[in-house]
Amino acid sequence: MWDELNKKAIDLFQSGKIDEAIETGNKALEVAETEFGPHDARVARSLNNLAEMYRARARYDKAIPLWERALAIREKALGSDHPDVATSLNNLAGAYFEQGRFEDAQPLFNRSLKVLEKSLGSDHPDVATCLDNLAALHRALERYPAAKPLYERALNIREKAFGPDHPEVGVALNNLAGLYEVLERYADAEPLYRRSLGIAEKAFGPDHPHVASTHGNLAGTLVGLRKYDEAEELFVRARTIIGQIFGESHPFYVSALDNLIEFYEGVGKQGEAEKLRHRAAEIRSAWSSHFH
């Protein structure tokens, strides 16, 4: 009974039916508590899943107590150095991070990293994910020198685990390049973004949202390097891909237009910027008319 409800809740969540998933997830939790007792590891799994569903609705008031309870159950049932304990620490830290509670998140991310290194080994891909989270926290706090070695280590782990052309390596390259971009080290960011773009095109094909976002990232760095012609091509390409995938009335398409408008204004092409601003305004106006 619990297995079926748990699976159904996950399936509903993955298909975007979040409210139904929450309802089913709550039933699964009740059944787990009744069948297995309140301190069973399966109860912790239900709590964790349900918390993820509330997080998708930004209901941290509901999610955080569930994650805290899941963590306490796992520590007692599995021991403090189990990978599932690291998962609970990471989830709870992630929720704090998303709320801007960085000082609450940091010790949990640090502890999660230690547990994973001890239980899975220092070169495990899960360790790389935790390093990324910790690096993102340092970046948010503008502790850039602390973030850089964490991103570099995550990249090395993924290259070793998956090979040089894996999408996970592309993500790691993007993360490190993004840090360089914030530091205005555009010449360091450029080759990383180019390599990430090559990986994304090979893995997903040329017309994928991930490819479009990497076009945009690289274009931003090329603006910093004053390579305006290529930057314009990439911004236009990103807009085209987004338009093909999502349609030309989607918020993602308007974001791509906004990027181009900002670019054109920055390079003094006011006429081009004005045309696109008019188009973006038309789309936004059409959205608002739907709600009258």
C-alpha atoms as a PDB file:
ATOM      1  CA  MET A   1       0.000   0.000   0.000  1.00  0.00           C
ATOM      2  CA  TRP A   2       2.750   2.503   1.007  1.00  0.00           C
ATOM      3  CA  ASP A   3       4.908   1.557  -1.987  1.00  0.00           C
ATOM      4  CA  GLU A   4       2.021   2.206  -4.386  1.00  0.00           C
ATOM      5  CA  LEU A   5       1.057   5.537  -2.812  1.00  0.00           C
ATOM      6  CA  ASN A   6       4.678   6.682  -2.669  1.00  0.00           C
ATOM      7  CA  LYS A   7       5.230   5.814  -6.340  1.00  0.00           C
ATOM      8  CA  LYS A   8       1.948   7.476  -7.345  1.00  0.00           C
ATOM      9  CA  ALA A   9       2.903  10.685  -5.490  1.00  0.00           C
ATOM     10  CA  ILE A  10       6.292  10.801  -7.245  1.00  0.00           C
ATOM     11  CA  ASP A  11       4.694  10.142 -10.661  1.00  0.00           C
ATOM     12  CA  LEU A  12       2.160  12.944 -10.105  1.00  0.00           C
ATOM     13  CA  PHE A  13       4.934  15.313  -9.011  1.00  0.00           C
ATOM     14  CA  GLN A  14       7.121  14.491 -12.015  1.00  0.00           C
ATOM     15  CA  SER A  15       4.197  15.106 -14.379  1.00  0.00           C
ATOM     16  CA  GLY A  16       3.629  18.582 -12.851  1.00  0.00           C
ATOM     17  CA  LYS A  17       0.443  17.734 -10.905  1.00  0.00           C
ATOM     18  CA  ILE A  18       1.863  19.171  -7.704  1.00  0.00           C
ATOM     19  CA  ASP A  19      -1.323  19.672  -5.669  1.00  0.00           C
ATOM     20  CA  GLU A  20      -2.447  16.087  -6.370  1.00  0.00           C
ATOM     21  CA  ALA A  21       1.070  14.889  -5.551  1.00  0.00           C
ATOM     22  CA  ILE A  22       0.963  16.677  -2.174  1.00  0.00           C
ATOM     23  CA  GLU A  23      -2.421  15.088  -1.360  1.00  0.00           C
ATOM     24  CA  THR A  24      -1.138  11.599  -2.286  1.00  0.00           C
ATOM     25  CA  GLY A  25       2.178  12.231  -0.512  1.00  0.00           C
ATOM     26  CA  ASN A  26       0.357  13.066   2.711  1.00  0.00           C
ATOM     27  CA  LYS A  27      -1.612   9.797   2.427  1.00  0.00           C
ATOM     28  CA  ALA A  28       1.634   7.882   1.814  1.00  0.00           C
ATOM     29  CA  LEU A  29       3.133   9.461   4.953  1.00  0.00           C
ATOM     30  CA  GLU A  30       0.104   8.481   7.079  1.00  0.00           C
ATOM     31  CA  VAL A  31       0.268   4.884   5.807  1.00  0.00           C
ATOM     32  CA  ALA A  32       4.035   4.686   6.431  1.00  0.00           C
ATOM     33  CA  GLU A  33       3.627   5.934  10.018  1.00  0.00           C
ATOM     34  CA  THR A  34       0.817   3.430  10.662  1.00  0.00           C
ATOM     35  CA  GLU A  35       2.463   0.419   8.966  1.00  0.00           C
ATOM     36  CA  PHE A  36       6.111   0.923   9.991  1.00  0.00           C
ATOM     37  CA  GLY A  37       6.029   3.185  13.054  1.00  0.00           C
ATOM     38  CA  PRO A  38       7.068   6.856  13.260  1.00  0.00           C
ATOM     39  CA  HIS A  39      10.843   6.249  13.327  1.00  0.00           C
ATOM     40  CA  ASP A  40      11.207   3.983  10.271  1.00  0.00           C
ATOM     41  CA  ALA A  41      13.517   4.979   7.384  1.00  0.00           C
ATOM     42  CA  ARG A  42      10.557   4.640   4.981  1.00  0.00           C
ATOM     43  CA  VAL A  43       8.743   7.360   6.947  1.00  0.00           C
ATOM     44  CA  ALA A  44      11.799   9.539   6.360  1.00  0.00           C
ATOM     45  CA  ARG A  45      11.543   8.856   2.609  1.00  0.00           C
ATOM     46  CA  SER A  46       7.890   9.933   2.627  1.00  0.00           C
ATOM     47  CA  LEU A  47       8.757  13.060   4.608  1.00  0.00           C
ATOM     48  CA  ASN A  48      11.562  13.893   2.188  1.00  0.00           C
ATOM     49  CA  ASN A  49       9.355  13.416  -0.898  1.00  0.00           C
ATOM     50  CA  LEU A  50       6.529  15.466   0.572  1.00  0.00           C
ATOM     51  CA  ALA A  51       8.941  18.253   1.524  1.00  0.00           C
ATOM     52  CA  GLU A  52      10.178  18.403  -2.105  1.00  0.00           C
ATOM     53  CA  MET A  53       6.579  18.833  -3.249  1.00  0.00           C
ATOM     54  CA  TYR A  54       5.969  21.698  -0.836  1.00  0.00           C
ATOM     55  CA  ARG A  55       9.276  23.253  -1.905  1.00  0.00           C
ATOM     56  CA  ALA A  56       7.995  23.300  -5.503  1.00  0.00           C
ATOM     57  CA  ARG A  57       5.163  25.507  -4.230  1.00  0.00           C
ATOM     58  CA  ALA A  58       7.686  27.601  -2.209  1.00  0.00           C
ATOM     59  CA  ARG A  59       5.885  26.448   0.972  1.00  0.00           C
ATOM     60  CA  TYR A  60       9.000  26.406   3.132  1.00  0.00           C
ATOM     61  CA  ASP A  61       6.856  26.686   6.254  1.00  0.00           C
ATOM     62  CA  LYS A  62       5.595  23.182   5.413  1.00  0.00           C
ATOM     63  CA  ALA A  63       8.777  21.728   3.845  1.00  0.00           C
ATOM     64  CA  ILE A  64      11.374  22.611   6.474  1.00  0.00           C
ATOM     65  CA  PRO A  65       9.748  20.797   9.454  1.00  0.00           C
ATOM     66  CA  LEU A  66       9.350  17.689   7.254  1.00  0.00           C
ATOM     67  CA  TRP A  67      13.031  17.743   6.275  1.00  0.00           C
ATOM     68  CA  GLU A  68      14.063  18.320   9.900  1.00  0.00           C
ATOM     69  CA  ARG A  69      12.019  15.313  10.992  1.00  0.00           C
ATOM     70  CA  ALA A  70      13.387  13.161   8.116  1.00  0.00           C
ATOM     71  CA  LEU A  71      16.942  14.086   9.166  1.00  0.00           C
ATOM     72  CA  ALA A  72      16.308  13.127  12.808  1.00  0.00           C
ATOM     73  CA  ILE A  73      14.793   9.749  11.779  1.00  0.00           C
ATOM     74  CA  ARG A  74      17.660   8.942   9.394  1.00  0.00           C
ATOM     75  CA  GLU A  75      20.350   9.820  11.932  1.00  0.00           C
ATOM     76  CA  LYS A  76      18.731   7.491  14.463  1.00  0.00           C
ATOM     77  CA  ALA A  77      17.814   4.660  12.050  1.00  0.00           C
ATOM     78  CA  LEU A  78      20.874   4.701   9.743  1.00  0.00           C
ATOM     79  CA  GLY A  79      23.666   6.355  11.749  1.00  0.00           C
ATOM     80  CA  SER A  80      25.112   9.829  11.329  1.00  0.00           C
ATOM     81  CA  ASP A  81      27.471   8.881   8.454  1.00  0.00           C
ATOM     82  CA  HIS A  82      24.932   7.368   6.048  1.00  0.00           C
ATOM     83  CA  PRO A  83      24.497   8.898   2.542  1.00  0.00           C
ATOM     84  CA  ASP A  84      20.736   9.336   3.190  1.00  0.00           C
ATOM     85  CA  VAL A  85      21.639  11.560   6.159  1.00  0.00           C
ATOM     86  CA  ALA A  86      23.770  13.652   3.775  1.00  0.00           C
ATOM     87  CA  THR A  87      20.764  13.913   1.426  1.00  0.00           C
ATOM     88  CA  SER A  88      18.583  15.222   4.265  1.00  0.00           C
ATOM     89  CA  LEU A  89      21.271  17.706   5.325  1.00  0.00           C
ATOM     90  CA  ASN A  90      21.634  18.869   1.732  1.00  0.00           C
ATOM     91  CA  ASN A  91      17.872  19.272   1.234  1.00  0.00           C
ATOM     92  CA  LEU A  92      17.460  21.244   4.438  1.00  0.00           C
ATOM     93  CA  ALA A  93      20.471  23.418   3.604  1.00  0.00           C
ATOM     94  CA  GLY A  94      19.064  23.990   0.106  1.00  0.00           C
ATOM     95  CA  ALA A  95      15.772  25.226   1.559  1.00  0.00           C
ATOM     96  CA  TYR A  96      17.615  27.639   3.866  1.00  0.00           C
ATOM     97  CA  PHE A  97      19.726  28.809   0.914  1.00  0.00           C
ATOM     98  CA  GLU A  98      16.654  29.494  -1.240  1.00  0.00           C
ATOM     99  CA  GLN A  99      15.238  31.612   1.586  1.00  0.00           C
ATOM    100  CA  GLY A 100      18.469  33.609   1.855  1.00  0.00           C
ATOM    101  CA  ARG A 101      19.308  32.014   5.226  1.00  0.00           C
ATOM    102  CA  PHE A 102      22.929  31.501   4.188  1.00  0.00           C
ATOM    103  CA  GLU A 103      24.437  31.288   7.679  1.00  0.00           C
ATOM    104  CA  ASP A 104      21.973  28.509   8.574  1.00  0.00           C
ATOM    105  CA  ALA A 105      22.709  26.648   5.333  1.00  0.00           C
ATOM    106  CA  GLN A 106      26.514  26.645   5.473  1.00  0.00           C
ATOM    107  CA  PRO A 107      27.117  24.259   8.431  1.00  0.00           C
ATOM    108  CA  LEU A 108      24.605  21.782   6.961  1.00  0.00           C
ATOM    109  CA  PHE A 109      26.281  21.835   3.523  1.00  0.00           C
ATOM    110  CA  ASN A 110      29.673  21.384   5.232  1.00  0.00           C
ATOM    111  CA  ARG A 111      28.422  18.453   7.264  1.00  0.00           C
ATOM    112  CA  SER A 112      26.749  16.875   4.212  1.00  0.00           C
ATOM    113  CA  LEU A 113      30.062  17.103   2.343  1.00  0.00           C
ATOM    114  CA  LYS A 114      31.965  15.369   5.184  1.00  0.00           C
ATOM    115  CA  VAL A 115      29.384  12.551   5.370  1.00  0.00           C
ATOM    116  CA  LEU A 116      29.510  11.964   1.602  1.00  0.00           C
ATOM    117  CA  GLU A 117      33.316  11.973   1.480  1.00  0.00           C
ATOM    118  CA  LYS A 118      33.421   9.475   4.334  1.00  0.00           C
ATOM    119  CA  SER A 119      30.643   7.179   3.065  1.00  0.00           C
ATOM    120  CA  LEU A 120      31.107   7.338  -0.730  1.00  0.00           C
ATOM    121  CA  GLY A 121      34.719   8.484  -1.184  1.00  0.00           C
ATOM    122  CA  SER A 122      36.114  11.902  -2.109  1.00  0.00           C
ATOM    123  CA  ASP A 123      35.731  11.382  -5.895  1.00  0.00           C
ATOM    124  CA  HIS A 124      32.046  10.398  -5.974  1.00  0.00           C
ATOM    125  CA  PRO A 125      29.703  12.476  -8.212  1.00  0.00           C
ATOM    126  CA  ASP A 126      27.422  13.167  -5.224  1.00  0.00           C
ATOM    127  CA  VAL A 127      30.396  14.888  -3.591  1.00  0.00           C
ATOM    128  CA  ALA A 128      30.662  17.131  -6.679  1.00  0.00           C
ATOM    129  CA  THR A 129      26.989  18.127  -6.316  1.00  0.00           C
ATOM    130  CA  CYS A 130      27.571  19.049  -2.682  1.00  0.00           C
ATOM    131  CA  LEU A 131      30.689  21.045  -3.621  1.00  0.00           C
ATOM    132  CA  ASP A 132      28.597  22.967  -6.189  1.00  0.00           C
ATOM    133  CA  ASN A 133      26.006  23.808  -3.541  1.00  0.00           C
ATOM    134  CA  LEU A 134      28.654  25.016  -1.113  1.00  0.00           C
ATOM    135  CA  ALA A 135      30.351  27.045  -3.858  1.00  0.00           C
ATOM    136  CA  ALA A 136      27.010  28.660  -4.790  1.00  0.00           C
ATOM    137  CA  LEU A 137      26.568  29.644  -1.147  1.00  0.00           C
ATOM    138  CA  HIS A 138      30.017  31.289  -1.029  1.00  0.00           C
ATOM    139  CA  ARG A 139      29.252  33.026  -4.329  1.00  0.00           C
ATOM    140  CA  ALA A 140      25.968  34.387  -2.963  1.00  0.00           C
ATOM    141  CA  LEU A 141      27.923  35.787  -0.008  1.00  0.00           C
ATOM    142  CA  GLU A 142      30.512  37.242  -2.445  1.00  0.00           C
ATOM    143  CA  ARG A 143      33.220  35.004  -0.993  1.00  0.00           C
ATOM    144  CA  TYR A 144      34.612  34.380  -4.458  1.00  0.00           C
ATOM    145  CA  PRO A 145      38.054  33.047  -3.432  1.00  0.00           C
ATOM    146  CA  ALA A 146      36.293  30.372  -1.337  1.00  0.00           C
ATOM    147  CA  ALA A 147      33.938  29.393  -4.183  1.00  0.00           C
ATOM    148  CA  LYS A 148      36.579  28.935  -6.910  1.00  0.00           C
ATOM    149  CA  PRO A 149      38.434  25.824  -5.592  1.00  0.00           C
ATOM    150  CA  LEU A 150      35.098  24.133  -4.836  1.00  0.00           C
ATOM    151  CA  TYR A 151      33.864  24.632  -8.420  1.00  0.00           C
ATOM    152  CA  GLU A 152      37.251  23.444  -9.736  1.00  0.00           C
ATOM    153  CA  ARG A 153      37.178  20.314  -7.604  1.00  0.00           C
ATOM    154  CA  ALA A 154      33.588  19.544  -8.686  1.00  0.00           C
ATOM    155  CA  LEU A 155      34.673  19.860 -12.331  1.00  0.00           C
ATOM    156  CA  ASN A 156      37.636  17.503 -11.794  1.00  0.00           C
ATOM    157  CA  ILE A 157      35.455  14.892 -10.071  1.00  0.00           C
ATOM    158  CA  ARG A 158      32.907  14.933 -12.917  1.00  0.00           C
ATOM    159  CA  GLU A 159      35.552  14.717 -15.638  1.00  0.00           C
ATOM    160  CA  LYS A 160      37.067  11.721 -13.872  1.00  0.00           C
ATOM    161  CA  ALA A 161      33.706  10.043 -13.219  1.00  0.00           C
ATOM    162  CA  PHE A 162      31.911  10.694 -16.525  1.00  0.00           C
ATOM    163  CA  GLY A 163      34.541  11.603 -19.125  1.00  0.00           C
ATOM    164  CA  PRO A 164      35.184  15.020 -20.722  1.00  0.00           C
ATOM    165  CA  ASP A 165      32.032  15.252 -22.884  1.00  0.00           C
ATOM    166  CA  HIS A 166      29.303  14.454 -20.355  1.00  0.00           C
ATOM    167  CA  PRO A 167      26.477  16.981 -19.715  1.00  0.00           C
ATOM    168  CA  GLU A 168      27.391  17.006 -15.996  1.00  0.00           C
ATOM    169  CA  VAL A 169      30.859  18.241 -17.002  1.00  0.00           C
ATOM    170  CA  GLY A 170      29.135  20.955 -19.052  1.00  0.00           C
ATOM    171  CA  VAL A 171      27.227  22.078 -15.945  1.00  0.00           C
ATOM    172  CA  ALA A 172      30.470  22.225 -13.942  1.00  0.00           C
ATOM    173  CA  LEU A 173      32.168  24.265 -16.695  1.00  0.00           C
ATOM    174  CA  ASN A 174      29.206  26.674 -16.709  1.00  0.00           C
ATOM    175  CA  ASN A 175      29.435  27.106 -12.936  1.00  0.00           C
ATOM    176  CA  LEU A 176      33.141  27.951 -12.985  1.00  0.00           C
ATOM    177  CA  ALA A 177      32.760  30.208 -16.030  1.00  0.00           C
ATOM    178  CA  GLY A 178      29.897  32.023 -14.301  1.00  0.00           C
ATOM    179  CA  LEU A 179      32.165  32.765 -11.345  1.00  0.00           C
ATOM    180  CA  TYR A 180      34.852  34.144 -13.663  1.00  0.00           C
ATOM    181  CA  GLU A 181      32.200  36.282 -15.366  1.00  0.00           C
ATOM    182  CA  VAL A 182      31.106  37.808 -12.039  1.00  0.00           C
ATOM    183  CA  LEU A 183      34.772  38.617 -11.388  1.00  0.00           C
ATOM    184  CA  GLU A 184      34.976  40.177 -14.898  1.00  0.00           C
ATOM    185  CA  ARG A 185      37.644  37.603 -15.817  1.00  0.00           C
ATOM    186  CA  TYR A 186      36.066  37.231 -19.253  1.00  0.00           C
ATOM    187  CA  ALA A 187      39.162  35.769 -20.916  1.00  0.00           C
ATOM    188  CA  ASP A 188      39.087  32.924 -18.357  1.00  0.00           C
ATOM    189  CA  ALA A 189      35.329  32.415 -18.725  1.00  0.00           C
ATOM    190  CA  GLU A 190      35.253  32.309 -22.539  1.00  0.00           C
ATOM    191  CA  PRO A 191      37.011  28.936 -23.179  1.00  0.00           C
ATOM    192  CA  LEU A 192      34.957  27.275 -20.423  1.00  0.00           C
ATOM    193  CA  TYR A 193      31.667  28.520 -21.891  1.00  0.00           C
ATOM    194  CA  ARG A 194      32.783  27.452 -25.386  1.00  0.00           C
ATOM    195  CA  ARG A 195      33.597  23.965 -24.148  1.00  0.00           C
ATOM    196  CA  SER A 196      30.291  23.792 -22.257  1.00  0.00           C
ATOM    197  CA  LEU A 197      28.427  24.849 -25.408  1.00  0.00           C
ATOM    198  CA  GLY A 198      30.160  22.123 -27.447  1.00  0.00           C
ATOM    199  CA  ILE A 199      29.183  19.506 -24.865  1.00  0.00           C
ATOM    200  CA  ALA A 200      25.550  20.718 -24.771  1.00  0.00           C
ATOM    201  CA  GLU A 201      25.199  20.694 -28.573  1.00  0.00           C
ATOM    202  CA  LYS A 202      26.683  17.196 -28.768  1.00  0.00           C
ATOM    203  CA  ALA A 203      24.538  15.844 -25.928  1.00  0.00           C
ATOM    204  CA  PHE A 204      21.192  17.522 -26.674  1.00  0.00           C
ATOM    205  CA  GLY A 205      21.356  18.686 -30.299  1.00  0.00           C
ATOM    206  CA  PRO A 206      21.548  22.314 -31.503  1.00  0.00           C
ATOM    207  CA  ASP A 207      17.940  23.287 -30.663  1.00  0.00           C
ATOM    208  CA  HIS A 208      17.702  22.542 -26.941  1.00  0.00           C
ATOM    209  CA  PRO A 209      16.903  25.006 -24.092  1.00  0.00           C
ATOM    210  CA  HIS A 210      20.199  24.173 -22.392  1.00  0.00           C
ATOM    211  CA  VAL A 211      22.041  25.054 -25.604  1.00  0.00           C
ATOM    212  CA  ALA A 212      20.129  28.356 -25.789  1.00  0.00           C
ATOM    213  CA  SER A 213      21.057  29.288 -22.211  1.00  0.00           C
ATOM    214  CA  THR A 214      24.722  28.474 -22.880  1.00  0.00           C
ATOM    215  CA  HIS A 215      24.598  30.665 -26.018  1.00  0.00           C
ATOM    216  CA  GLY A 216      23.365  33.462 -23.769  1.00  0.00           C
ATOM    217  CA  ASN A 217      26.093  32.868 -21.171  1.00  0.00           C
ATOM    218  CA  LEU A 218      28.854  32.888 -23.774  1.00  0.00           C
ATOM    219  CA  ALA A 219      27.368  35.982 -25.432  1.00  0.00           C
ATOM    220  CA  GLY A 220      27.475  37.885 -22.129  1.00  0.00           C
ATOM    221  CA  THR A 221      31.165  37.077 -21.721  1.00  0.00           C
ATOM    222  CA  LEU A 222      31.900  38.060 -25.337  1.00  0.00           C
ATOM    223  CA  VAL A 223      30.319  41.451 -24.631  1.00  0.00           C
ATOM    224  CA  GLY A 224      32.818  41.793 -21.788  1.00  0.00           C
ATOM    225  CA  LEU A 225      35.591  41.021 -24.298  1.00  0.00           C
ATOM    226  CA  ARG A 226      34.075  43.507 -26.798  1.00  0.00           C
ATOM    227  CA  LYS A 227      33.512  40.749 -29.366  1.00  0.00           C
ATOM    228  CA  TYR A 228      30.184  42.345 -30.230  1.00  0.00           C
ATOM    229  CA  ASP A 229      29.485  40.730 -33.620  1.00  0.00           C
ATOM    230  CA  GLU A 230      29.705  37.171 -32.315  1.00  0.00           C
ATOM    231  CA  ALA A 231      27.843  38.124 -29.131  1.00  0.00           C
ATOM    232  CA  GLU A 232      24.958  39.465 -31.246  1.00  0.00           C
ATOM    233  CA  GLU A 233      24.849  36.233 -33.289  1.00  0.00           C
ATOM    234  CA  LEU A 234      24.654  34.166 -30.103  1.00  0.00           C
ATOM    235  CA  PHE A 235      21.924  36.306 -28.490  1.00  0.00           C
ATOM    236  CA  VAL A 236      19.897  36.066 -31.725  1.00  0.00           C
ATOM    237  CA  ARG A 237      20.473  32.314 -31.911  1.00  0.00           C
ATOM    238  CA  ALA A 238      19.348  31.877 -28.293  1.00  0.00           C
ATOM    239  CA  ARG A 239      16.158  33.853 -29.018  1.00  0.00           C
ATOM    240  CA  THR A 240      15.465  31.733 -32.121  1.00  0.00           C
ATOM    241  CA  ILE A 241      15.885  28.440 -30.245  1.00  0.00           C
ATOM    242  CA  ILE A 242      13.612  29.601 -27.397  1.00  0.00           C
ATOM    243  CA  GLY A 243      11.006  30.775 -29.917  1.00  0.00           C
ATOM    244  CA  GLN A 244      11.069  27.422 -31.724  1.00  0.00           C
ATOM    245  CA  ILE A 245      10.698  25.406 -28.536  1.00  0.00           C
ATOM    246  CA  PHE A 246       8.318  27.491 -26.423  1.00  0.00           C
ATOM    247  CA  GLY A 247       6.646  29.786 -28.963  1.00  0.00           C
ATOM    248  CA  GLU A 248       6.932  33.543 -29.367  1.00  0.00           C
ATOM    249  CA  SER A 249       4.489  34.417 -26.592  1.00  0.00           C
ATOM    250  CA  HIS A 250       6.276  32.530 -23.807  1.00  0.00           C
ATOM    251  CA  PRO A 251       7.987  34.315 -20.880  1.00  0.00           C
ATOM    252  CA  PHE A 252      11.284  32.620 -21.822  1.00  0.00           C
ATOM    253  CA  TYR A 253      11.042  34.217 -25.274  1.00  0.00           C
ATOM    254  CA  VAL A 254      10.468  37.642 -23.739  1.00  0.00           C
ATOM    255  CA  SER A 255      13.527  37.116 -21.499  1.00  0.00           C
ATOM    256  CA  ALA A 256      15.555  36.336 -24.629  1.00  0.00           C
ATOM    257  CA  LEU A 257      14.214  39.540 -26.222  1.00  0.00           C
ATOM    258  CA  ASP A 258      15.152  41.490 -23.085  1.00  0.00           C
ATOM    259  CA  ASN A 259      18.732  40.160 -23.319  1.00  0.00           C
ATOM    260  CA  LEU A 260      18.947  41.359 -26.923  1.00  0.00           C
ATOM    261  CA  ILE A 261      17.420  44.753 -26.050  1.00  0.00           C
ATOM    262  CA  GLU A 262      20.025  45.235 -23.304  1.00  0.00           C
ATOM    263  CA  PHE A 263      22.791  44.224 -25.723  1.00  0.00           C
ATOM    264  CA  TYR A 264      21.621  46.609 -28.471  1.00  0.00           C
ATOM    265  CA  GLU A 265      21.324  49.484 -25.992  1.00  0.00           C
ATOM    266  CA  GLY A 266      24.846  48.747 -24.740  1.00  0.00           C
ATOM    267  CA  VAL A 267      26.374  48.889 -28.233  1.00  0.00           C
ATOM    268  CA  GLY A 268      24.392  51.955 -29.332  1.00  0.00           C
ATOM    269  CA  LYS A 269      21.946  50.220 -31.710  1.00  0.00           C
ATOM    270  CA  GLN A 270      18.950  52.144 -30.390  1.00  0.00           C
ATOM    271  CA  GLY A 271      16.770  51.468 -33.444  1.00  0.00           C
ATOM    272  CA  GLU A 272      17.162  47.694 -33.075  1.00  0.00           C
ATOM    273  CA  ALA A 273      16.531  47.957 -29.326  1.00  0.00           C
ATOM    274  CA  GLU A 274      13.363  50.012 -29.872  1.00  0.00           C
ATOM    275  CA  LYS A 275      11.906  47.508 -32.354  1.00  0.00           C
ATOM    276  CA  LEU A 276      12.423  44.636 -29.934  1.00  0.00           C
ATOM    277  CA  ARG A 277      11.130  46.665 -26.985  1.00  0.00           C
ATOM    278  CA  HIS A 278       7.927  47.283 -28.946  1.00  0.00           C
ATOM    279  CA  ARG A 279       7.619  43.530 -29.667  1.00  0.00           C
ATOM    280  CA  ALA A 280       8.225  42.599 -26.005  1.00  0.00           C
ATOM    281  CA  ALA A 281       5.607  45.162 -24.909  1.00  0.00           C
ATOM    282  CA  GLU A 282       3.064  43.669 -27.333  1.00  0.00           C
ATOM    283  CA  ILE A 283       3.617  40.187 -25.896  1.00  0.00           C
ATOM    284  CA  ARG A 284       3.340  41.434 -22.295  1.00  0.00           C
ATOM    285  CA  SER A 285       0.179  43.342 -23.190  1.00  0.00           C
ATOM    286  CA  ALA A 286      -1.328  40.154 -24.650  1.00  0.00           C
ATOM    287  CA  TRP A 287      -0.565  38.332 -21.373  1.00  0.00           C
ATOM    288  CA  SER A 288      -2.321  40.954 -19.261  1.00  0.00           C
ATOM    289  CA  SER A 289      -5.394  40.894 -21.533  1.00  0.00           C
ATOM    290  CA  HIS A 290      -5.840  37.193 -20.705  1.00  0.00           C
ATOM    291  CA  PHE A 291      -6.452  38.056 -17.045  1.00  0.00           C
ATOM    292  CA  HIS A 292      -9.207  40.665 -17.557  1.00  0.00           C
END
